[in-house]
Amino acid sequence: HVQLVESGGGSVQAGGSLRLSCTSSRFTFAGSVMGWYRQAPGNACELVSTISSDGSTYYADSVKGRFTISRENAKNTLYLQLNSLKPDDTAAYFCGADRTAFASEHHHSPRGYCYAWFLIAGFDAWGRGTQVTVS
């Protein structure tokens, strides 16, 4: 697979904001489904949001209205704006990419460890994660 690089994580107080980025110099984002996933210690991988090649988005209920996913294909960059953060948002956040145009239930149903799920699910690229801690 191709390695993606996440950045922008950190420690914030509840109610605060962060902006995560995901980029690659080797993977072309255009035409691909991109997604953010997260995993807290002791928990299974959880979907945060996906964005399809046409810009259509999907959010987990737990983050709707608080998080915003966006993409800038010209810069090969995926973003996740996190607002109104809660302690329950504490997790490692991972980005993944699948060379298919539109997100489906397949992309919205992670399980187990995120890093392993990307491989099993046939994603073409994923990152090592960035930690978000909300206190």
N, C-alpha and C. Protein backbone atom coordinates (compact mmCIF):
# COMPACT_ATOMS: atom_id res chain seq x y z
N HIS A 1 0.82 -1.17 0.00
CA HIS A 1 0.00 0.00 0.00
C HIS A 1 0.87 1.25 0.00
N VAL A 2 0.25 2.40 -0.30
CA VAL A 2 0.96 3.67 -0.26
C VAL A 2 0.74 4.32 1.09
N GLN A 3 1.77 4.90 1.63
CA GLN A 3 1.69 5.55 2.94
C GLN A 3 1.12 6.96 2.82
N LEU A 4 0.10 7.23 3.62
CA LEU A 4 -0.39 8.59 3.78
C LEU A 4 0.15 9.15 5.09
N VAL A 5 0.19 10.47 5.20
CA VAL A 5 0.73 11.10 6.40
C VAL A 5 -0.31 12.03 7.01
N GLU A 6 -0.73 11.70 8.23
CA GLU A 6 -1.66 12.55 8.97
C GLU A 6 -0.89 13.54 9.84
N SER A 7 -1.49 14.69 10.07
CA SER A 7 -0.91 15.69 10.98
C SER A 7 -2.02 16.54 11.54
N GLY A 8 -1.67 17.34 12.56
CA GLY A 8 -2.63 18.27 13.13
C GLY A 8 -3.23 17.85 14.45
N GLY A 9 -2.92 16.63 14.90
CA GLY A 9 -3.46 16.19 16.18
C GLY A 9 -2.82 16.96 17.33
N GLY A 10 -3.38 16.77 18.51
CA GLY A 10 -2.85 17.44 19.68
C GLY A 10 -3.76 17.28 20.87
N SER A 11 -3.47 18.04 21.91
CA SER A 11 -4.26 18.01 23.14
C SER A 11 -5.03 19.31 23.26
N VAL A 12 -6.34 19.21 23.45
CA VAL A 12 -7.18 20.39 23.59
C VAL A 12 -8.17 20.18 24.71
N GLN A 13 -8.73 21.27 25.18
CA GLN A 13 -9.79 21.19 26.17
C GLN A 13 -11.14 20.96 25.48
N ALA A 14 -12.06 20.40 26.21
CA ALA A 14 -13.41 20.19 25.68
C ALA A 14 -13.97 21.51 25.16
N GLY A 15 -14.60 21.43 23.99
CA GLY A 15 -15.13 22.62 23.34
C GLY A 15 -14.18 23.23 22.34
N GLY A 16 -12.94 22.78 22.35
CA GLY A 16 -11.94 23.32 21.45
C GLY A 16 -12.02 22.74 20.05
N SER A 17 -11.09 23.16 19.21
CA SER A 17 -11.07 22.75 17.81
C SER A 17 -9.68 22.32 17.38
N LEU A 18 -9.66 21.48 16.37
CA LEU A 18 -8.42 21.07 15.71
C LEU A 18 -8.72 20.89 14.24
N ARG A 19 -7.67 20.95 13.43
CA ARG A 19 -7.81 20.65 12.00
C ARG A 19 -6.76 19.61 11.63
N LEU A 20 -7.23 18.46 11.22
CA LEU A 20 -6.33 17.39 10.80
C LEU A 20 -6.12 17.46 9.29
N SER A 21 -4.93 17.06 8.88
CA SER A 21 -4.60 16.99 7.46
C SER A 21 -4.05 15.60 7.14
N CYS A 22 -4.25 15.21 5.90
CA CYS A 22 -3.73 13.92 5.41
C CYS A 22 -3.20 14.18 4.02
N THR A 23 -1.95 13.82 3.77
CA THR A 23 -1.37 14.12 2.48
C THR A 23 -0.47 12.99 2.01
N SER A 24 -0.12 13.03 0.74
CA SER A 24 0.79 12.05 0.17
C SER A 24 1.45 12.63 -1.07
N SER A 25 2.68 12.28 -1.25
CA SER A 25 3.39 12.70 -2.47
C SER A 25 3.37 11.58 -3.51
N ARG A 26 2.79 10.43 -3.12
CA ARG A 26 2.83 9.27 -4.01
C ARG A 26 1.46 8.74 -4.41
N PHE A 27 0.41 9.24 -3.77
CA PHE A 27 -0.93 8.74 -4.07
C PHE A 27 -1.78 9.90 -4.60
N THR A 28 -2.45 9.69 -5.71
CA THR A 28 -3.29 10.72 -6.30
C THR A 28 -4.69 10.63 -5.71
N PHE A 29 -5.09 11.70 -5.03
CA PHE A 29 -6.36 11.69 -4.31
C PHE A 29 -7.56 11.78 -5.25
N ALA A 30 -7.42 12.46 -6.35
CA ALA A 30 -8.54 12.63 -7.28
C ALA A 30 -9.07 11.27 -7.73
N GLY A 31 -10.39 11.14 -7.74
CA GLY A 31 -11.01 9.91 -8.19
C GLY A 31 -11.14 8.83 -7.13
N SER A 32 -10.70 9.13 -5.91
CA SER A 32 -10.71 8.13 -4.85
C SER A 32 -11.66 8.51 -3.73
N VAL A 33 -12.17 7.51 -3.06
CA VAL A 33 -12.88 7.72 -1.80
C VAL A 33 -11.82 7.93 -0.72
N MET A 34 -12.00 8.97 0.06
CA MET A 34 -11.10 9.25 1.17
C MET A 34 -11.90 9.20 2.46
N GLY A 35 -11.27 8.73 3.52
CA GLY A 35 -12.00 8.64 4.77
C GLY A 35 -11.14 8.89 5.99
N TRP A 36 -11.80 9.32 7.05
CA TRP A 36 -11.18 9.44 8.37
C TRP A 36 -11.80 8.40 9.28
N TYR A 37 -10.96 7.74 10.02
CA TYR A 37 -11.37 6.72 10.97
C TYR A 37 -10.63 7.00 12.27
N ARG A 38 -11.14 6.47 13.37
CA ARG A 38 -10.47 6.68 14.65
C ARG A 38 -10.54 5.44 15.51
N GLN A 39 -9.60 5.37 16.42
CA GLN A 39 -9.57 4.23 17.34
C GLN A 39 -9.06 4.69 18.69
N ALA A 40 -9.89 4.49 19.71
CA ALA A 40 -9.50 4.77 21.08
C ALA A 40 -8.99 3.48 21.71
N PRO A 41 -8.13 3.60 22.73
CA PRO A 41 -7.60 2.40 23.39
C PRO A 41 -8.72 1.49 23.88
N GLY A 42 -8.62 0.20 23.54
CA GLY A 42 -9.61 -0.76 23.97
C GLY A 42 -10.87 -0.80 23.11
N ASN A 43 -10.96 0.09 22.15
CA ASN A 43 -12.14 0.13 21.28
C ASN A 43 -11.78 -0.31 19.87
N ALA A 44 -12.80 -0.72 19.13
CA ALA A 44 -12.60 -1.08 17.73
C ALA A 44 -12.50 0.16 16.87
N CYS A 45 -11.98 -0.03 15.66
CA CYS A 45 -11.91 1.06 14.69
C CYS A 45 -13.31 1.60 14.43
N GLU A 46 -13.41 2.92 14.33
CA GLU A 46 -14.71 3.59 14.16
C GLU A 46 -14.66 4.54 12.98
N LEU A 47 -15.69 4.52 12.16
CA LEU A 47 -15.80 5.48 11.07
C LEU A 47 -16.03 6.88 11.64
N VAL A 48 -15.34 7.86 11.07
CA VAL A 48 -15.62 9.25 11.38
C VAL A 48 -16.36 9.88 10.21
N SER A 49 -15.75 9.81 9.03
CA SER A 49 -16.36 10.46 7.86
C SER A 49 -15.70 9.98 6.58
N THR A 50 -16.45 9.99 5.49
CA THR A 50 -15.89 9.73 4.17
C THR A 50 -16.29 10.85 3.21
N ILE A 51 -15.48 10.99 2.16
CA ILE A 51 -15.80 11.93 1.09
C ILE A 51 -15.50 11.23 -0.23
N SER A 52 -16.49 11.23 -1.10
CA SER A 52 -16.34 10.56 -2.38
C SER A 52 -15.68 11.48 -3.40
N SER A 53 -15.43 10.94 -4.57
CA SER A 53 -14.72 11.70 -5.59
C SER A 53 -15.51 12.92 -6.07
N ASP A 54 -16.83 12.86 -5.92
CA ASP A 54 -17.66 13.99 -6.36
C ASP A 54 -17.89 15.00 -5.23
N GLY A 55 -17.27 14.76 -4.08
CA GLY A 55 -17.41 15.69 -2.96
C GLY A 55 -18.53 15.35 -1.99
N SER A 56 -19.31 14.34 -2.29
CA SER A 56 -20.38 13.96 -1.37
C SER A 56 -19.77 13.38 -0.10
N THR A 57 -20.40 13.68 1.02
CA THR A 57 -19.84 13.32 2.31
C THR A 57 -20.78 12.44 3.13
N TYR A 58 -20.19 11.75 4.08
CA TYR A 58 -20.94 10.88 5.00
C TYR A 58 -20.28 11.02 6.36
N TYR A 59 -21.11 11.14 7.40
CA TYR A 59 -20.59 11.31 8.76
C TYR A 59 -21.20 10.30 9.70
N ALA A 60 -20.41 9.85 10.65
CA ALA A 60 -20.95 9.08 11.75
C ALA A 60 -21.86 9.98 12.57
N ASP A 61 -22.91 9.40 13.13
CA ASP A 61 -23.86 10.21 13.91
C ASP A 61 -23.17 10.95 15.05
N SER A 62 -22.14 10.33 15.61
CA SER A 62 -21.49 10.91 16.79
C SER A 62 -20.74 12.22 16.48
N VAL A 63 -20.47 12.48 15.19
CA VAL A 63 -19.70 13.68 14.85
C VAL A 63 -20.47 14.65 13.96
N LYS A 64 -21.67 14.27 13.55
CA LYS A 64 -22.47 15.15 12.67
C LYS A 64 -22.68 16.51 13.32
N GLY A 65 -22.48 17.54 12.53
CA GLY A 65 -22.66 18.90 13.02
C GLY A 65 -21.46 19.47 13.74
N ARG A 66 -20.48 18.64 14.03
CA ARG A 66 -19.28 19.10 14.73
C ARG A 66 -18.03 18.98 13.87
N PHE A 67 -17.95 17.95 13.05
CA PHE A 67 -16.77 17.70 12.23
C PHE A 67 -17.12 17.96 10.76
N THR A 68 -16.12 18.42 10.00
CA THR A 68 -16.31 18.65 8.57
C THR A 68 -15.14 18.07 7.80
N ILE A 69 -15.44 17.22 6.84
CA ILE A 69 -14.42 16.63 5.99
C ILE A 69 -14.36 17.42 4.69
N SER A 70 -13.17 17.58 4.15
CA SER A 70 -13.01 18.26 2.87
C SER A 70 -11.75 17.74 2.20
N ARG A 71 -11.65 18.01 0.92
CA ARG A 71 -10.49 17.53 0.18
C ARG A 71 -10.03 18.61 -0.79
N GLU A 72 -8.75 18.63 -1.05
CA GLU A 72 -8.16 19.55 -2.02
C GLU A 72 -7.28 18.69 -2.94
N ASN A 73 -7.89 18.21 -4.01
CA ASN A 73 -7.19 17.26 -4.88
C ASN A 73 -5.92 17.85 -5.48
N ALA A 74 -5.94 19.11 -5.81
CA ALA A 74 -4.77 19.73 -6.42
C ALA A 74 -3.55 19.67 -5.51
N LYS A 75 -3.82 19.62 -4.21
CA LYS A 75 -2.73 19.56 -3.23
C LYS A 75 -2.58 18.15 -2.65
N ASN A 76 -3.38 17.21 -3.18
CA ASN A 76 -3.34 15.84 -2.65
C ASN A 76 -3.49 15.86 -1.13
N THR A 77 -4.48 16.59 -0.65
CA THR A 77 -4.65 16.75 0.79
C THR A 77 -6.12 16.55 1.18
N LEU A 78 -6.30 15.84 2.27
CA LEU A 78 -7.60 15.61 2.89
C LEU A 78 -7.59 16.30 4.24
N TYR A 79 -8.73 16.91 4.59
CA TYR A 79 -8.82 17.62 5.86
C TYR A 79 -9.97 17.08 6.71
N LEU A 80 -9.85 17.30 8.01
CA LEU A 80 -10.96 17.06 8.92
C LEU A 80 -10.94 18.19 9.95
N GLN A 81 -11.96 19.03 9.90
CA GLN A 81 -12.10 20.10 10.89
C GLN A 81 -12.92 19.56 12.07
N LEU A 82 -12.34 19.61 13.23
CA LEU A 82 -12.98 19.09 14.44
C LEU A 82 -13.35 20.27 15.33
N ASN A 83 -14.63 20.50 15.53
CA ASN A 83 -15.12 21.57 16.40
C ASN A 83 -15.91 20.97 17.57
N SER A 84 -16.08 21.78 18.59
CA SER A 84 -16.85 21.36 19.77
C SER A 84 -16.41 19.99 20.25
N LEU A 85 -15.13 19.84 20.42
CA LEU A 85 -14.57 18.54 20.79
C LEU A 85 -15.01 18.11 22.17
N LYS A 86 -15.19 16.80 22.33
CA LYS A 86 -15.60 16.19 23.58
C LYS A 86 -14.54 15.18 24.01
N PRO A 87 -14.49 14.86 25.30
CA PRO A 87 -13.53 13.84 25.74
C PRO A 87 -13.70 12.52 24.99
N ASP A 88 -14.93 12.18 24.59
CA ASP A 88 -15.17 10.93 23.84
C ASP A 88 -14.54 10.94 22.46
N ASP A 89 -14.10 12.09 21.99
CA ASP A 89 -13.43 12.17 20.69
C ASP A 89 -11.95 11.79 20.79
N THR A 90 -11.47 11.58 21.99
CA THR A 90 -10.08 11.19 22.18
C THR A 90 -9.80 9.86 21.49
N ALA A 91 -8.83 9.86 20.58
CA ALA A 91 -8.52 8.66 19.80
C ALA A 91 -7.35 8.97 18.87
N ALA A 92 -6.81 7.91 18.28
CA ALA A 92 -5.90 8.08 17.15
C ALA A 92 -6.75 8.17 15.89
N TYR A 93 -6.48 9.16 15.08
CA TYR A 93 -7.25 9.40 13.86
C TYR A 93 -6.41 8.99 12.65
N PHE A 94 -7.02 8.17 11.79
CA PHE A 94 -6.34 7.64 10.63
C PHE A 94 -7.06 8.08 9.35
N CYS A 95 -6.29 8.31 8.28
CA CYS A 95 -6.92 8.55 6.99
C CYS A 95 -6.65 7.34 6.09
N GLY A 96 -7.60 7.08 5.20
CA GLY A 96 -7.48 5.98 4.27
C GLY A 96 -8.01 6.38 2.92
N ALA A 97 -7.54 5.71 1.87
CA ALA A 97 -7.96 6.02 0.51
C ALA A 97 -8.21 4.75 -0.27
N ASP A 98 -9.28 4.76 -1.04
CA ASP A 98 -9.66 3.61 -1.87
C ASP A 98 -9.90 4.12 -3.29
N ARG A 99 -9.23 3.53 -4.25
CA ARG A 99 -9.35 3.98 -5.64
C ARG A 99 -10.67 3.52 -6.25
N THR A 100 -11.74 4.03 -5.67
CA THR A 100 -13.07 3.84 -6.20
C THR A 100 -13.80 5.16 -6.03
N ALA A 101 -14.74 5.43 -6.93
CA ALA A 101 -15.29 6.79 -6.99
C ALA A 101 -16.21 7.16 -5.83
N PHE A 102 -17.04 6.18 -5.39
CA PHE A 102 -18.09 6.52 -4.43
C PHE A 102 -18.04 5.62 -3.20
N ALA A 103 -18.22 6.27 -2.05
CA ALA A 103 -18.23 5.53 -0.79
C ALA A 103 -19.46 4.64 -0.70
N SER A 104 -19.29 3.52 -0.04
CA SER A 104 -20.39 2.57 0.15
C SER A 104 -20.36 2.04 1.57
N GLU A 105 -21.26 1.15 1.89
CA GLU A 105 -21.30 0.55 3.22
C GLU A 105 -19.97 -0.12 3.56
N HIS A 106 -19.32 -0.58 2.53
CA HIS A 106 -18.00 -1.20 2.70
C HIS A 106 -17.05 -0.25 3.40
N HIS A 107 -17.08 1.03 3.04
CA HIS A 107 -16.18 2.01 3.64
C HIS A 107 -16.67 2.48 4.99
N HIS A 108 -17.92 2.22 5.31
CA HIS A 108 -18.52 2.75 6.52
C HIS A 108 -18.62 1.72 7.64
N SER A 109 -17.98 0.58 7.45
CA SER A 109 -18.13 -0.49 8.44
C SER A 109 -16.79 -1.06 8.86
N PRO A 110 -15.94 -0.24 9.45
CA PRO A 110 -14.65 -0.77 9.89
C PRO A 110 -14.84 -1.70 11.09
N ARG A 111 -13.83 -2.51 11.34
CA ARG A 111 -13.86 -3.39 12.50
C ARG A 111 -12.45 -3.69 12.92
N GLY A 112 -12.30 -4.09 14.19
CA GLY A 112 -10.98 -4.45 14.69
C GLY A 112 -10.06 -3.25 14.75
N TYR A 113 -8.82 -3.50 14.45
CA TYR A 113 -7.83 -2.44 14.44
C TYR A 113 -7.88 -1.71 13.09
N CYS A 114 -7.84 -0.38 13.13
CA CYS A 114 -7.94 0.39 11.89
C CYS A 114 -6.84 -0.01 10.90
N TYR A 115 -5.64 -0.10 11.41
CA TYR A 115 -4.50 -0.37 10.52
C TYR A 115 -4.67 -1.70 9.80
N ALA A 116 -5.18 -2.71 10.52
CA ALA A 116 -5.40 -4.03 9.91
C ALA A 116 -6.61 -4.00 8.99
N TRP A 117 -7.64 -3.24 9.39
CA TRP A 117 -8.85 -3.19 8.58
C TRP A 117 -8.59 -2.58 7.20
N PHE A 118 -7.75 -1.56 7.15
CA PHE A 118 -7.42 -0.95 5.85
C PHE A 118 -6.87 -2.02 4.90
N LEU A 119 -6.02 -2.87 5.42
CA LEU A 119 -5.42 -3.91 4.60
C LEU A 119 -6.46 -4.94 4.17
N ILE A 120 -7.26 -5.41 5.14
CA ILE A 120 -8.26 -6.45 4.85
C ILE A 120 -9.33 -5.93 3.90
N ALA A 121 -9.69 -4.66 4.06
CA ALA A 121 -10.77 -4.09 3.26
C ALA A 121 -10.32 -3.67 1.86
N GLY A 122 -9.04 -3.78 1.61
CA GLY A 122 -8.56 -3.49 0.26
C GLY A 122 -8.30 -2.03 -0.05
N PHE A 123 -8.10 -1.21 0.99
CA PHE A 123 -7.74 0.18 0.74
C PHE A 123 -6.38 0.24 0.04
N ASP A 124 -6.19 1.29 -0.75
CA ASP A 124 -4.96 1.44 -1.51
C ASP A 124 -3.89 2.25 -0.76
N ALA A 125 -4.33 3.02 0.21
CA ALA A 125 -3.38 3.84 0.95
C ALA A 125 -3.96 4.16 2.32
N TRP A 126 -3.09 4.26 3.31
CA TRP A 126 -3.52 4.66 4.66
C TRP A 126 -2.33 5.18 5.44
N GLY A 127 -2.66 5.86 6.53
CA GLY A 127 -1.60 6.46 7.33
C GLY A 127 -1.40 5.78 8.67
N ARG A 128 -0.46 6.30 9.44
CA ARG A 128 -0.13 5.73 10.75
C ARG A 128 -0.91 6.39 11.87
N GLY A 129 -1.63 7.45 11.56
CA GLY A 129 -2.49 8.07 12.56
C GLY A 129 -1.88 9.29 13.23
N THR A 130 -2.77 10.13 13.76
CA THR A 130 -2.38 11.28 14.57
C THR A 130 -3.29 11.30 15.79
N GLN A 131 -2.69 11.55 16.96
CA GLN A 131 -3.44 11.45 18.23
C GLN A 131 -4.19 12.74 18.54
N VAL A 132 -5.44 12.58 18.91
CA VAL A 132 -6.25 13.69 19.40
C VAL A 132 -6.66 13.36 20.82
N THR A 133 -6.34 14.26 21.74
CA THR A 133 -6.68 14.07 23.15
C THR A 133 -7.49 15.27 23.62
N VAL A 134 -8.67 14.98 24.15
CA VAL A 134 -9.58 16.03 24.60
C VAL A 134 -9.81 15.85 26.11
N SER A 135 -9.52 16.89 26.88
CA SER A 135 -9.69 16.78 28.32
C SER A 135 -10.72 17.77 28.85
